[in-house]
């Protein structure tokens, strides 16, 4: 039976998100069917500092990954 696992992070921590997802795949033994993601851009606020992928004046955007997988043995 297929199942869903959600991961969320900020665009300023893409490497951490990659590590989290890869560690979960290794640890769980899941057979990944597909991965879908989305980035939600943030609006500029007063006092924002550079912190995103492009080091712009926008705050880092929210990232979400949806992993569709089958558990081991299924």
N, C-alpha and C. Protein backbone atom coordinates (compact mmCIF):
# COMPACT_ATOMS: atom_id res chain seq x y z
N UNK A 1 0.84 -1.17 0.00
CA UNK A 1 0.00 0.00 0.00
C UNK A 1 0.89 1.24 0.00
N UNK A 2 0.55 2.20 -0.83
CA UNK A 2 1.32 3.44 -0.90
C UNK A 2 0.96 4.36 0.26
N UNK A 3 1.98 5.06 0.72
CA UNK A 3 1.83 5.98 1.84
C UNK A 3 2.50 7.30 1.49
N UNK A 4 2.23 8.33 2.30
CA UNK A 4 2.78 9.67 2.08
C UNK A 4 3.58 10.10 3.29
N UNK A 5 4.72 10.73 3.04
CA UNK A 5 5.54 11.33 4.09
C UNK A 5 5.77 12.77 3.69
N UNK A 6 5.53 13.71 4.61
CA UNK A 6 5.71 15.14 4.34
C UNK A 6 6.95 15.65 5.06
N UNK A 7 7.70 16.50 4.37
CA UNK A 7 8.86 17.16 4.94
C UNK A 7 8.70 18.65 4.69
N UNK A 8 9.08 19.48 5.67
CA UNK A 8 9.02 20.92 5.45
C UNK A 8 10.28 21.56 5.99
N UNK A 9 10.65 22.67 5.38
CA UNK A 9 11.86 23.38 5.76
C UNK A 9 11.80 24.79 5.20
N UNK A 10 12.91 25.49 5.29
CA UNK A 10 13.05 26.81 4.69
C UNK A 10 14.07 26.74 3.57
N UNK A 11 13.95 27.61 2.58
CA UNK A 11 14.88 27.58 1.46
C UNK A 11 16.31 27.87 1.91
N UNK A 12 16.49 28.49 3.05
CA UNK A 12 17.83 28.76 3.56
C UNK A 12 18.48 27.51 4.14
N UNK A 13 17.73 26.40 4.24
CA UNK A 13 18.27 25.15 4.77
C UNK A 13 17.99 23.98 3.82
N UNK A 14 18.21 24.19 2.54
CA UNK A 14 17.97 23.13 1.55
C UNK A 14 18.85 21.92 1.83
N UNK A 15 20.11 22.15 2.17
CA UNK A 15 21.03 21.04 2.43
C UNK A 15 20.54 20.20 3.61
N UNK A 16 20.02 20.86 4.64
CA UNK A 16 19.49 20.13 5.79
C UNK A 16 18.27 19.31 5.42
N UNK A 17 17.42 19.85 4.55
CA UNK A 17 16.23 19.12 4.09
C UNK A 17 16.65 17.89 3.29
N UNK A 18 17.63 18.06 2.41
CA UNK A 18 18.13 16.92 1.63
C UNK A 18 18.66 15.83 2.55
N UNK A 19 19.44 16.23 3.55
CA UNK A 19 19.98 15.25 4.49
C UNK A 19 18.88 14.54 5.26
N UNK A 20 17.86 15.28 5.68
CA UNK A 20 16.74 14.69 6.42
C UNK A 20 16.00 13.66 5.57
N UNK A 21 15.70 14.02 4.33
CA UNK A 21 14.97 13.12 3.44
C UNK A 21 15.80 11.87 3.14
N UNK A 22 17.06 12.07 2.78
CA UNK A 22 17.92 10.93 2.45
C UNK A 22 18.12 10.00 3.65
N UNK A 23 18.28 10.57 4.84
CA UNK A 23 18.42 9.75 6.05
C UNK A 23 17.15 8.94 6.30
N UNK A 24 15.99 9.57 6.12
CA UNK A 24 14.73 8.85 6.32
C UNK A 24 14.60 7.70 5.33
N UNK A 25 14.96 7.93 4.06
CA UNK A 25 14.87 6.87 3.05
C UNK A 25 15.76 5.70 3.44
N UNK A 26 17.01 6.00 3.82
CA UNK A 26 17.94 4.92 4.23
C UNK A 26 17.42 4.18 5.46
N UNK A 27 17.01 4.93 6.46
CA UNK A 27 16.58 4.34 7.74
C UNK A 27 15.30 3.52 7.60
N UNK A 28 14.35 4.02 6.83
CA UNK A 28 13.06 3.35 6.73
C UNK A 28 13.07 2.20 5.74
N UNK A 29 13.99 2.23 4.78
CA UNK A 29 14.00 1.22 3.73
C UNK A 29 12.85 1.38 2.75
N UNK A 30 12.24 2.55 2.76
CA UNK A 30 11.08 2.80 1.89
C UNK A 30 11.49 2.75 0.42
N UNK A 31 10.55 2.29 -0.42
CA UNK A 31 10.74 2.34 -1.87
C UNK A 31 9.98 3.57 -2.34
N UNK A 32 10.75 4.60 -2.72
CA UNK A 32 10.16 5.87 -3.12
C UNK A 32 9.53 5.73 -4.51
N UNK A 33 8.27 6.12 -4.60
CA UNK A 33 7.53 6.08 -5.86
C UNK A 33 7.67 7.43 -6.57
N UNK A 34 7.51 8.53 -5.82
CA UNK A 34 7.67 9.86 -6.40
C UNK A 34 7.93 10.88 -5.30
N UNK A 35 8.51 11.99 -5.72
CA UNK A 35 8.74 13.13 -4.81
C UNK A 35 8.23 14.38 -5.52
N UNK A 36 7.41 15.13 -4.83
CA UNK A 36 6.87 16.38 -5.35
C UNK A 36 7.16 17.46 -4.33
N UNK A 37 7.45 18.65 -4.80
CA UNK A 37 7.74 19.73 -3.88
C UNK A 37 7.11 21.03 -4.29
N UNK A 38 7.13 21.96 -3.35
CA UNK A 38 6.60 23.29 -3.61
C UNK A 38 7.38 24.29 -2.78
N UNK A 39 7.53 25.49 -3.32
CA UNK A 39 8.16 26.58 -2.60
C UNK A 39 7.14 27.71 -2.53
N UNK A 40 6.94 28.24 -1.33
CA UNK A 40 5.97 29.32 -1.13
C UNK A 40 6.73 30.61 -0.91
N UNK A 41 6.76 31.48 -1.92
CA UNK A 41 7.51 32.73 -1.77
C UNK A 41 6.94 33.59 -0.65
N UNK A 42 7.82 34.29 0.02
CA UNK A 42 7.43 35.16 1.12
C UNK A 42 7.40 36.60 0.63
N UNK A 43 6.63 37.41 1.31
CA UNK A 43 6.57 38.83 0.96
C UNK A 43 7.66 39.57 1.72
N UNK A 44 8.06 40.69 1.18
CA UNK A 44 9.11 41.48 1.82
C UNK A 44 8.54 42.14 3.08
N UNK A 45 9.33 42.18 4.12
CA UNK A 45 8.91 42.81 5.37
C UNK A 45 9.95 43.86 5.75
N UNK A 46 9.57 44.78 6.58
CA UNK A 46 10.54 45.78 7.01
C UNK A 46 11.59 45.11 7.87
N UNK A 47 12.83 45.44 7.61
CA UNK A 47 13.92 44.87 8.38
C UNK A 47 14.36 43.51 7.88
N UNK A 48 13.90 43.04 6.71
CA UNK A 48 14.33 41.76 6.16
C UNK A 48 15.81 41.82 5.85
N UNK A 49 16.46 40.68 6.00
CA UNK A 49 17.88 40.60 5.65
C UNK A 49 18.08 39.49 4.65
N UNK A 50 19.21 39.51 3.97
CA UNK A 50 19.53 38.49 2.97
C UNK A 50 19.72 37.15 3.65
N UNK A 51 18.94 36.14 3.20
CA UNK A 51 19.11 34.82 3.81
C UNK A 51 18.65 33.69 2.92
N UNK A 52 18.08 33.98 1.76
CA UNK A 52 17.58 32.93 0.87
C UNK A 52 18.66 32.41 -0.05
N UNK A 53 18.24 31.56 -0.99
CA UNK A 53 19.18 30.97 -1.94
C UNK A 53 19.90 32.04 -2.73
N UNK A 54 19.20 33.07 -3.14
CA UNK A 54 19.81 34.12 -3.93
C UNK A 54 20.36 35.26 -3.09
N UNK A 55 20.31 35.14 -1.78
CA UNK A 55 20.77 36.17 -0.87
C UNK A 55 20.11 37.52 -1.17
N UNK A 56 18.80 37.49 -1.39
CA UNK A 56 18.06 38.72 -1.67
C UNK A 56 17.56 39.33 -0.37
N UNK A 57 16.80 40.41 -0.50
CA UNK A 57 16.27 41.07 0.69
C UNK A 57 14.97 40.42 1.17
N UNK A 58 14.55 39.33 0.52
CA UNK A 58 13.35 38.61 0.92
C UNK A 58 13.68 37.56 1.98
N UNK A 59 12.77 37.33 2.91
CA UNK A 59 13.00 36.25 3.89
C UNK A 59 12.95 34.91 3.17
N UNK A 60 13.57 33.86 3.75
CA UNK A 60 13.57 32.55 3.10
C UNK A 60 12.15 32.02 2.93
N UNK A 61 11.92 31.37 1.80
CA UNK A 61 10.60 30.80 1.50
C UNK A 61 10.43 29.45 2.19
N UNK A 62 9.17 29.07 2.38
CA UNK A 62 8.85 27.77 2.94
C UNK A 62 8.95 26.72 1.84
N UNK A 63 9.51 25.57 2.17
CA UNK A 63 9.59 24.44 1.25
C UNK A 63 8.80 23.28 1.82
N UNK A 64 8.13 22.56 0.95
CA UNK A 64 7.47 21.33 1.37
C UNK A 64 7.77 20.26 0.32
N UNK A 65 8.08 19.06 0.79
CA UNK A 65 8.28 17.91 -0.08
C UNK A 65 7.27 16.85 0.31
N UNK A 66 6.66 16.24 -0.69
CA UNK A 66 5.71 15.15 -0.49
C UNK A 66 6.34 13.91 -1.11
N UNK A 67 6.61 12.92 -0.29
CA UNK A 67 7.21 11.68 -0.77
C UNK A 67 6.15 10.59 -0.76
N UNK A 68 5.88 10.05 -1.93
CA UNK A 68 4.96 8.91 -2.06
C UNK A 68 5.84 7.68 -2.06
N UNK A 69 5.55 6.74 -1.16
CA UNK A 69 6.43 5.58 -1.00
C UNK A 69 5.65 4.32 -0.66
N UNK A 70 6.35 3.21 -0.78
CA UNK A 70 5.83 1.92 -0.31
C UNK A 70 6.76 1.44 0.79
N UNK A 71 6.16 1.01 1.88
CA UNK A 71 6.94 0.50 3.02
C UNK A 71 7.63 -0.80 2.63
N UNK A 72 8.75 -1.10 3.26
CA UNK A 72 9.45 -2.37 2.95
C UNK A 72 8.53 -3.57 3.17
N UNK A 73 8.65 -4.52 2.29
CA UNK A 73 7.87 -5.75 2.43
C UNK A 73 6.47 -5.67 1.86
N UNK A 74 6.12 -4.57 1.27
CA UNK A 74 4.77 -4.45 0.70
C UNK A 74 4.82 -4.54 -0.80
